[in-house]
Amino acid sequence: MKSAILSSLRKTGQRAGLVSLGAMTLLSLTAGSAN
C-alpha cells in the first residue's frame, strides 16, 4: 500500500515538473519576440 502511494506521488510530481518545464520553455520562446 505504501509503495503504491509513493509511486502515485512520484508520477504526480513528474507530471507537475513536465508542465512547469513546458510553461518555462513556452515563456522563453516568446520572450524574445515580445520585445
All heavy atoms as atom14 arrays in JSON, in Angstrom:
{
  "sequence": "MKSAILSSLRKTGQRAGLVSLGAMTLLSLTAGSAN",
  "atom14_mask": [
    [1, 1, 1, 1, 1, 1, 1, 1, 0, 0, 0, 0, 0, 0],
    [1, 1, 1, 1, 1, 1, 1, 1, 1, 0, 0, 0, 0, 0],
    [1, 1, 1, 1, 1, 1, 0, 0, 0, 0, 0, 0, 0, 0],
    [1, 1, 1, 1, 1, 0, 0, 0, 0, 0, 0, 0, 0, 0],
    [1, 1, 1, 1, 1, 1, 1, 1, 0, 0, 0, 0, 0, 0],
    [1, 1, 1, 1, 1, 1, 1, 1, 0, 0, 0, 0, 0, 0],
    [1, 1, 1, 1, 1, 1, 0, 0, 0, 0, 0, 0, 0, 0],
    [1, 1, 1, 1, 1, 1, 0, 0, 0, 0, 0, 0, 0, 0],
    [1, 1, 1, 1, 1, 1, 1, 1, 0, 0, 0, 0, 0, 0],
    [1, 1, 1, 1, 1, 1, 1, 1, 1, 1, 1, 0, 0, 0],
    [1, 1, 1, 1, 1, 1, 1, 1, 1, 0, 0, 0, 0, 0],
    [1, 1, 1, 1, 1, 1, 1, 0, 0, 0, 0, 0, 0, 0],
    [1, 1, 1, 1, 0, 0, 0, 0, 0, 0, 0, 0, 0, 0],
    [1, 1, 1, 1, 1, 1, 1, 1, 1, 0, 0, 0, 0, 0],
    [1, 1, 1, 1, 1, 1, 1, 1, 1, 1, 1, 0, 0, 0],
    [1, 1, 1, 1, 1, 0, 0, 0, 0, 0, 0, 0, 0, 0],
    [1, 1, 1, 1, 0, 0, 0, 0, 0, 0, 0, 0, 0, 0],
    [1, 1, 1, 1, 1, 1, 1, 1, 0, 0, 0, 0, 0, 0],
    [1, 1, 1, 1, 1, 1, 1, 0, 0, 0, 0, 0, 0, 0],
    [1, 1, 1, 1, 1, 1, 0, 0, 0, 0, 0, 0, 0, 0],
    [1, 1, 1, 1, 1, 1, 1, 1, 0, 0, 0, 0, 0, 0],
    [1, 1, 1, 1, 0, 0, 0, 0, 0, 0, 0, 0, 0, 0],
    [1, 1, 1, 1, 1, 0, 0, 0, 0, 0, 0, 0, 0, 0],
    [1, 1, 1, 1, 1, 1, 1, 1, 0, 0, 0, 0, 0, 0],
    [1, 1, 1, 1, 1, 1, 1, 0, 0, 0, 0, 0, 0, 0],
    [1, 1, 1, 1, 1, 1, 1, 1, 0, 0, 0, 0, 0, 0],
    [1, 1, 1, 1, 1, 1, 1, 1, 0, 0, 0, 0, 0, 0],
    [1, 1, 1, 1, 1, 1, 0, 0, 0, 0, 0, 0, 0, 0],
    [1, 1, 1, 1, 1, 1, 1, 1, 0, 0, 0, 0, 0, 0],
    [1, 1, 1, 1, 1, 1, 1, 0, 0, 0, 0, 0, 0, 0],
    [1, 1, 1, 1, 1, 0, 0, 0, 0, 0, 0, 0, 0, 0],
    [1, 1, 1, 1, 0, 0, 0, 0, 0, 0, 0, 0, 0, 0],
    [1, 1, 1, 1, 1, 1, 0, 0, 0, 0, 0, 0, 0, 0],
    [1, 1, 1, 1, 1, 0, 0, 0, 0, 0, 0, 0, 0, 0],
    [1, 1, 1, 1, 1, 1, 1, 1, 0, 0, 0, 0, 0, 0]
  ],
  "atom14_positions": [
    [[0.82, -1.19, 0.0], [0.0, 0.0, 0.0], [0.87, 1.26, 0.0], [0.62, 2.18, -0.77], [-0.91, -0.05, 1.23], [-1.75, 1.16, 1.4], [-3.17, 1.01, 0.35], [-4.27, 2.03, 1.18], [0.0, 0.0, 0.0], [0.0, 0.0, 0.0], [0.0, 0.0, 0.0], [0.0, 0.0, 0.0], [0.0, 0.0, 0.0], [0.0, 0.0, 0.0]],
    [[1.88, 1.27, 0.89], [2.78, 2.41, 1.0], [3.51, 2.62, -0.32], [3.69, 3.75, -0.77], [3.74, 2.16, 2.16], [4.56, 3.34, 2.54], [5.38, 3.0, 3.75], [6.05, 4.2, 4.31], [6.84, 3.9, 5.48], [0.0, 0.0, 0.0], [0.0, 0.0, 0.0], [0.0, 0.0, 0.0], [0.0, 0.0, 0.0], [0.0, 0.0, 0.0]],
    [[3.89, 1.55, -0.98], [4.6, 1.62, -2.25], [3.72, 2.2, -3.35], [4.18, 2.97, -4.18], [5.1, 0.22, -2.63], [5.67, 0.25, -3.9], [0.0, 0.0, 0.0], [0.0, 0.0, 0.0], [0.0, 0.0, 0.0], [0.0, 0.0, 0.0], [0.0, 0.0, 0.0], [0.0, 0.0, 0.0], [0.0, 0.0, 0.0], [0.0, 0.0, 0.0]],
    [[2.44, 1.85, -3.36], [1.51, 2.36, -4.36], [1.3, 3.86, -4.19], [1.21, 4.61, -5.16], [0.18, 1.63, -4.27], [0.0, 0.0, 0.0], [0.0, 0.0, 0.0], [0.0, 0.0, 0.0], [0.0, 0.0, 0.0], [0.0, 0.0, 0.0], [0.0, 0.0, 0.0], [0.0, 0.0, 0.0], [0.0, 0.0, 0.0], [0.0, 0.0, 0.0]],
    [[1.24, 4.32, -2.94], [1.06, 5.76, -2.67], [2.3, 6.52, -3.12], [2.2, 7.56, -3.77], [0.77, 6.0, -1.17], [-0.61, 5.43, -0.82], [0.84, 7.48, -0.84], [-0.91, 5.46, 0.66], [0.0, 0.0, 0.0], [0.0, 0.0, 0.0], [0.0, 0.0, 0.0], [0.0, 0.0, 0.0], [0.0, 0.0, 0.0], [0.0, 0.0, 0.0]],
    [[3.5, 6.01, -2.79], [4.74, 6.68, -3.21], [4.85, 6.72, -4.73], [5.27, 7.72, -5.31], [5.95, 5.96, -2.59], [6.17, 6.19, -1.1], [7.35, 5.34, -0.62], [6.43, 7.65, -0.81], [0.0, 0.0, 0.0], [0.0, 0.0, 0.0], [0.0, 0.0, 0.0], [0.0, 0.0, 0.0], [0.0, 0.0, 0.0], [0.0, 0.0, 0.0]],
    [[4.48, 5.64, -5.38], [4.54, 5.59, -6.84], [3.59, 6.62, -7.45], [3.94, 7.32, -8.41], [4.17, 4.19, -7.32], [4.13, 4.15, -8.73], [0.0, 0.0, 0.0], [0.0, 0.0, 0.0], [0.0, 0.0, 0.0], [0.0, 0.0, 0.0], [0.0, 0.0, 0.0], [0.0, 0.0, 0.0], [0.0, 0.0, 0.0], [0.0, 0.0, 0.0]],
    [[2.4, 6.75, -6.87], [1.43, 7.73, -7.35], [1.94, 9.15, -7.15], [1.78, 10.02, -8.01], [0.1, 7.52, -6.63], [-0.82, 8.5, -7.01], [0.0, 0.0, 0.0], [0.0, 0.0, 0.0], [0.0, 0.0, 0.0], [0.0, 0.0, 0.0], [0.0, 0.0, 0.0], [0.0, 0.0, 0.0], [0.0, 0.0, 0.0], [0.0, 0.0, 0.0]],
    [[2.55, 9.42, -6.0], [3.11, 10.74, -5.73], [4.23, 11.08, -6.69], [4.36, 12.2, -7.16], [3.6, 10.83, -4.28], [2.51, 10.93, -3.21], [3.13, 10.86, -1.81], [1.72, 12.21, -3.36], [0.0, 0.0, 0.0], [0.0, 0.0, 0.0], [0.0, 0.0, 0.0], [0.0, 0.0, 0.0], [0.0, 0.0, 0.0], [0.0, 0.0, 0.0]],
    [[5.08, 10.08, -7.0], [6.19, 10.32, -7.94], [5.64, 10.7, -9.32], [6.13, 11.61, -9.97], [7.06, 9.07, -8.05], [8.09, 8.98, -6.98], [9.11, 7.88, -7.28], [9.6, 7.37, -6.03], [9.35, 6.17, -5.52], [8.65, 5.29, -6.2], [9.81, 5.81, -4.36], [0.0, 0.0, 0.0], [0.0, 0.0, 0.0], [0.0, 0.0, 0.0]],
    [[4.62, 9.97, -9.77], [4.04, 10.26, -11.08], [3.41, 11.66, -11.11], [3.54, 12.39, -12.07], [2.99, 9.21, -11.45], [3.6, 7.89, -11.81], [2.56, 6.88, -12.2], [3.22, 5.55, -12.51], [2.25, 4.51, -12.83], [0.0, 0.0, 0.0], [0.0, 0.0, 0.0], [0.0, 0.0, 0.0], [0.0, 0.0, 0.0], [0.0, 0.0, 0.0]],
    [[2.72, 12.02, -10.02], [2.13, 13.35, -9.93], [3.21, 14.42, -9.95], [3.1, 15.43, -10.65], [1.28, 13.48, -8.65], [0.27, 12.47, -8.67], [0.63, 14.85, -8.55], [0.0, 0.0, 0.0], [0.0, 0.0, 0.0], [0.0, 0.0, 0.0], [0.0, 0.0, 0.0], [0.0, 0.0, 0.0], [0.0, 0.0, 0.0], [0.0, 0.0, 0.0]],
    [[4.28, 14.2, -9.22], [5.41, 15.15, -9.21], [6.07, 15.26, -10.57], [6.44, 16.33, -11.0], [0.0, 0.0, 0.0], [0.0, 0.0, 0.0], [0.0, 0.0, 0.0], [0.0, 0.0, 0.0], [0.0, 0.0, 0.0], [0.0, 0.0, 0.0], [0.0, 0.0, 0.0], [0.0, 0.0, 0.0], [0.0, 0.0, 0.0], [0.0, 0.0, 0.0]],
    [[6.19, 14.13, -11.28], [6.78, 14.16, -12.62], [5.9, 14.95, -13.58], [6.4, 15.75, -14.37], [6.98, 12.73, -13.14], [8.09, 11.98, -12.44], [8.15, 10.52, -12.86], [7.22, 9.99, -13.46], [9.25, 9.87, -12.51], [0.0, 0.0, 0.0], [0.0, 0.0, 0.0], [0.0, 0.0, 0.0], [0.0, 0.0, 0.0], [0.0, 0.0, 0.0]],
    [[4.57, 14.74, -13.49], [3.66, 15.48, -14.36], [3.73, 16.99, -14.08], [3.77, 17.8, -14.98], [2.22, 14.98, -14.18], [1.95, 13.73, -14.96], [0.47, 13.38, -14.92], [0.4, 11.98, -14.57], [-0.21, 11.47, -13.51], [-0.89, 12.24, -12.71], [-0.19, 10.19, -13.27], [0.0, 0.0, 0.0], [0.0, 0.0, 0.0], [0.0, 0.0, 0.0]],
    [[3.75, 17.34, -12.8], [3.84, 18.76, -12.44], [5.15, 19.36, -12.94], [5.19, 20.48, -13.43], [3.72, 18.93, -10.93], [0.0, 0.0, 0.0], [0.0, 0.0, 0.0], [0.0, 0.0, 0.0], [0.0, 0.0, 0.0], [0.0, 0.0, 0.0], [0.0, 0.0, 0.0], [0.0, 0.0, 0.0], [0.0, 0.0, 0.0], [0.0, 0.0, 0.0]],
    [[6.23, 18.59, -12.81], [7.53, 19.06, -13.31], [7.52, 19.25, -14.81], [8.06, 20.23, -15.33], [0.0, 0.0, 0.0], [0.0, 0.0, 0.0], [0.0, 0.0, 0.0], [0.0, 0.0, 0.0], [0.0, 0.0, 0.0], [0.0, 0.0, 0.0], [0.0, 0.0, 0.0], [0.0, 0.0, 0.0], [0.0, 0.0, 0.0], [0.0, 0.0, 0.0]],
    [[6.89, 18.32, -15.55], [6.82, 18.45, -17.0], [5.97, 19.65, -17.41], [6.3, 20.38, -18.34], [6.25, 17.17, -17.62], [7.21, 15.98, -17.65], [6.5, 14.73, -18.15], [8.41, 16.29, -18.53], [0.0, 0.0, 0.0], [0.0, 0.0, 0.0], [0.0, 0.0, 0.0], [0.0, 0.0, 0.0], [0.0, 0.0, 0.0], [0.0, 0.0, 0.0]],
    [[4.86, 19.87, -16.72], [4.02, 21.03, -17.01], [4.79, 22.32, -16.75], [4.78, 23.24, -17.55], [2.71, 20.98, -16.18], [1.97, 22.3, -16.28], [1.83, 19.84, -16.65], [0.0, 0.0, 0.0], [0.0, 0.0, 0.0], [0.0, 0.0, 0.0], [0.0, 0.0, 0.0], [0.0, 0.0, 0.0], [0.0, 0.0, 0.0], [0.0, 0.0, 0.0]],
    [[5.51, 22.39, -15.63], [6.31, 23.57, -15.32], [7.4, 23.79, -16.36], [7.63, 24.91, -16.81], [6.95, 23.45, -13.93], [5.96, 23.42, -12.94], [0.0, 0.0, 0.0], [0.0, 0.0, 0.0], [0.0, 0.0, 0.0], [0.0, 0.0, 0.0], [0.0, 0.0, 0.0], [0.0, 0.0, 0.0], [0.0, 0.0, 0.0], [0.0, 0.0, 0.0]],
    [[8.08, 22.71, -16.74], [9.13, 22.81, -17.75], [8.55, 23.28, -19.08], [9.12, 24.15, -19.75], [9.84, 21.46, -17.92], [10.95, 21.42, -18.95], [12.07, 22.38, -18.56], [11.49, 20.01, -19.1], [0.0, 0.0, 0.0], [0.0, 0.0, 0.0], [0.0, 0.0, 0.0], [0.0, 0.0, 0.0], [0.0, 0.0, 0.0], [0.0, 0.0, 0.0]],
    [[7.39, 22.75, -19.45], [6.74, 23.17, -20.69], [6.37, 24.64, -20.66], [6.56, 25.37, -21.63], [0.0, 0.0, 0.0], [0.0, 0.0, 0.0], [0.0, 0.0, 0.0], [0.0, 0.0, 0.0], [0.0, 0.0, 0.0], [0.0, 0.0, 0.0], [0.0, 0.0, 0.0], [0.0, 0.0, 0.0], [0.0, 0.0, 0.0], [0.0, 0.0, 0.0]],
    [[5.83, 25.11, -19.54], [5.46, 26.53, -19.41], [6.69, 27.42, -19.49], [6.67, 28.47, -20.15], [4.71, 26.76, -18.1], [0.0, 0.0, 0.0], [0.0, 0.0, 0.0], [0.0, 0.0, 0.0], [0.0, 0.0, 0.0], [0.0, 0.0, 0.0], [0.0, 0.0, 0.0], [0.0, 0.0, 0.0], [0.0, 0.0, 0.0], [0.0, 0.0, 0.0]],
    [[7.78, 27.02, -18.82], [9.0, 27.83, -18.87], [9.57, 27.87, -20.28], [10.05, 28.9, -20.73], [10.04, 27.28, -17.88], [9.68, 27.56, -16.44], [10.96, 27.13, -15.23], [11.49, 25.52, -15.72], [0.0, 0.0, 0.0], [0.0, 0.0, 0.0], [0.0, 0.0, 0.0], [0.0, 0.0, 0.0], [0.0, 0.0, 0.0], [0.0, 0.0, 0.0]],
    [[9.51, 26.75, -21.0], [10.0, 26.71, -22.38], [9.18, 27.64, -23.25], [9.72, 28.41, -24.04], [9.95, 25.27, -22.92], [10.75, 24.44, -22.08], [10.47, 25.21, -24.35], [0.0, 0.0, 0.0], [0.0, 0.0, 0.0], [0.0, 0.0, 0.0], [0.0, 0.0, 0.0], [0.0, 0.0, 0.0], [0.0, 0.0, 0.0], [0.0, 0.0, 0.0]],
    [[7.86, 27.58, -23.11], [6.99, 28.46, -23.89], [7.28, 29.92, -23.6], [7.37, 30.74, -24.51], [5.53, 28.13, -23.59], [4.49, 28.93, -24.36], [4.64, 28.7, -25.86], [3.1, 28.56, -23.91], [0.0, 0.0, 0.0], [0.0, 0.0, 0.0], [0.0, 0.0, 0.0], [0.0, 0.0, 0.0], [0.0, 0.0, 0.0], [0.0, 0.0, 0.0]],
    [[7.45, 30.28, -22.35], [7.77, 31.66, -21.99], [9.09, 32.1, -22.56], [9.24, 33.21, -23.04], [7.77, 31.84, -20.46], [6.39, 31.85, -19.8], [6.54, 31.86, -18.29], [5.58, 33.03, -20.27], [0.0, 0.0, 0.0], [0.0, 0.0, 0.0], [0.0, 0.0, 0.0], [0.0, 0.0, 0.0], [0.0, 0.0, 0.0], [0.0, 0.0, 0.0]],
    [[10.09, 31.24, -22.53], [11.41, 31.63, -23.06], [11.37, 31.77, -24.57], [12.08, 32.6, -25.14], [12.49, 30.64, -22.62], [12.3, 29.39, -23.26], [0.0, 0.0, 0.0], [0.0, 0.0, 0.0], [0.0, 0.0, 0.0], [0.0, 0.0, 0.0], [0.0, 0.0, 0.0], [0.0, 0.0, 0.0], [0.0, 0.0, 0.0], [0.0, 0.0, 0.0]],
    [[10.55, 30.98, -25.25], [10.45, 31.1, -26.7], [9.75, 32.38, -27.12], [10.05, 32.96, -28.15], [9.7, 29.89, -27.28], [10.45, 28.57, -27.24], [9.54, 27.44, -27.72], [11.71, 28.62, -28.09], [0.0, 0.0, 0.0], [0.0, 0.0, 0.0], [0.0, 0.0, 0.0], [0.0, 0.0, 0.0], [0.0, 0.0, 0.0], [0.0, 0.0, 0.0]],
    [[8.77, 32.84, -26.32], [8.03, 34.04, -26.69], [8.64, 35.31, -26.13], [8.3, 36.39, -26.56], [6.57, 33.93, -26.22], [6.56, 33.76, -24.81], [5.85, 32.78, -26.9], [0.0, 0.0, 0.0], [0.0, 0.0, 0.0], [0.0, 0.0, 0.0], [0.0, 0.0, 0.0], [0.0, 0.0, 0.0], [0.0, 0.0, 0.0], [0.0, 0.0, 0.0]],
    [[9.55, 35.2, -25.18], [10.11, 36.4, -24.54], [10.87, 37.26, -25.53], [10.75, 38.48, -25.52], [11.02, 36.01, -23.38], [0.0, 0.0, 0.0], [0.0, 0.0, 0.0], [0.0, 0.0, 0.0], [0.0, 0.0, 0.0], [0.0, 0.0, 0.0], [0.0, 0.0, 0.0], [0.0, 0.0, 0.0], [0.0, 0.0, 0.0], [0.0, 0.0, 0.0]],
    [[11.63, 36.67, -26.43], [12.4, 37.46, -27.39], [11.51, 38.22, -28.34], [11.73, 39.38, -28.64], [0.0, 0.0, 0.0], [0.0, 0.0, 0.0], [0.0, 0.0, 0.0], [0.0, 0.0, 0.0], [0.0, 0.0, 0.0], [0.0, 0.0, 0.0], [0.0, 0.0, 0.0], [0.0, 0.0, 0.0], [0.0, 0.0, 0.0], [0.0, 0.0, 0.0]],
    [[10.44, 37.58, -28.83], [9.58, 38.26, -29.78], [8.64, 39.25, -29.1], [8.09, 40.12, -29.75], [8.77, 37.23, -30.57], [7.96, 36.48, -29.69], [0.0, 0.0, 0.0], [0.0, 0.0, 0.0], [0.0, 0.0, 0.0], [0.0, 0.0, 0.0], [0.0, 0.0, 0.0], [0.0, 0.0, 0.0], [0.0, 0.0, 0.0], [0.0, 0.0, 0.0]],
    [[8.46, 39.12, -27.79], [7.57, 40.05, -27.09], [8.15, 41.45, -27.06], [7.43, 42.42, -26.93], [7.31, 39.56, -25.67], [0.0, 0.0, 0.0], [0.0, 0.0, 0.0], [0.0, 0.0, 0.0], [0.0, 0.0, 0.0], [0.0, 0.0, 0.0], [0.0, 0.0, 0.0], [0.0, 0.0, 0.0], [0.0, 0.0, 0.0], [0.0, 0.0, 0.0]],
    [[9.46, 41.57, -27.19], [10.1, 42.87, -27.16], [9.96, 43.61, -28.49], [10.06, 44.82, -28.53], [11.58, 42.74, -26.8], [11.75, 42.29, -25.37], [10.89, 42.52, -24.53], [12.87, 41.65, -25.09], [0.0, 0.0, 0.0], [0.0, 0.0, 0.0], [0.0, 0.0, 0.0], [0.0, 0.0, 0.0], [0.0, 0.0, 0.0], [0.0, 0.0, 0.0]]
  ]
}
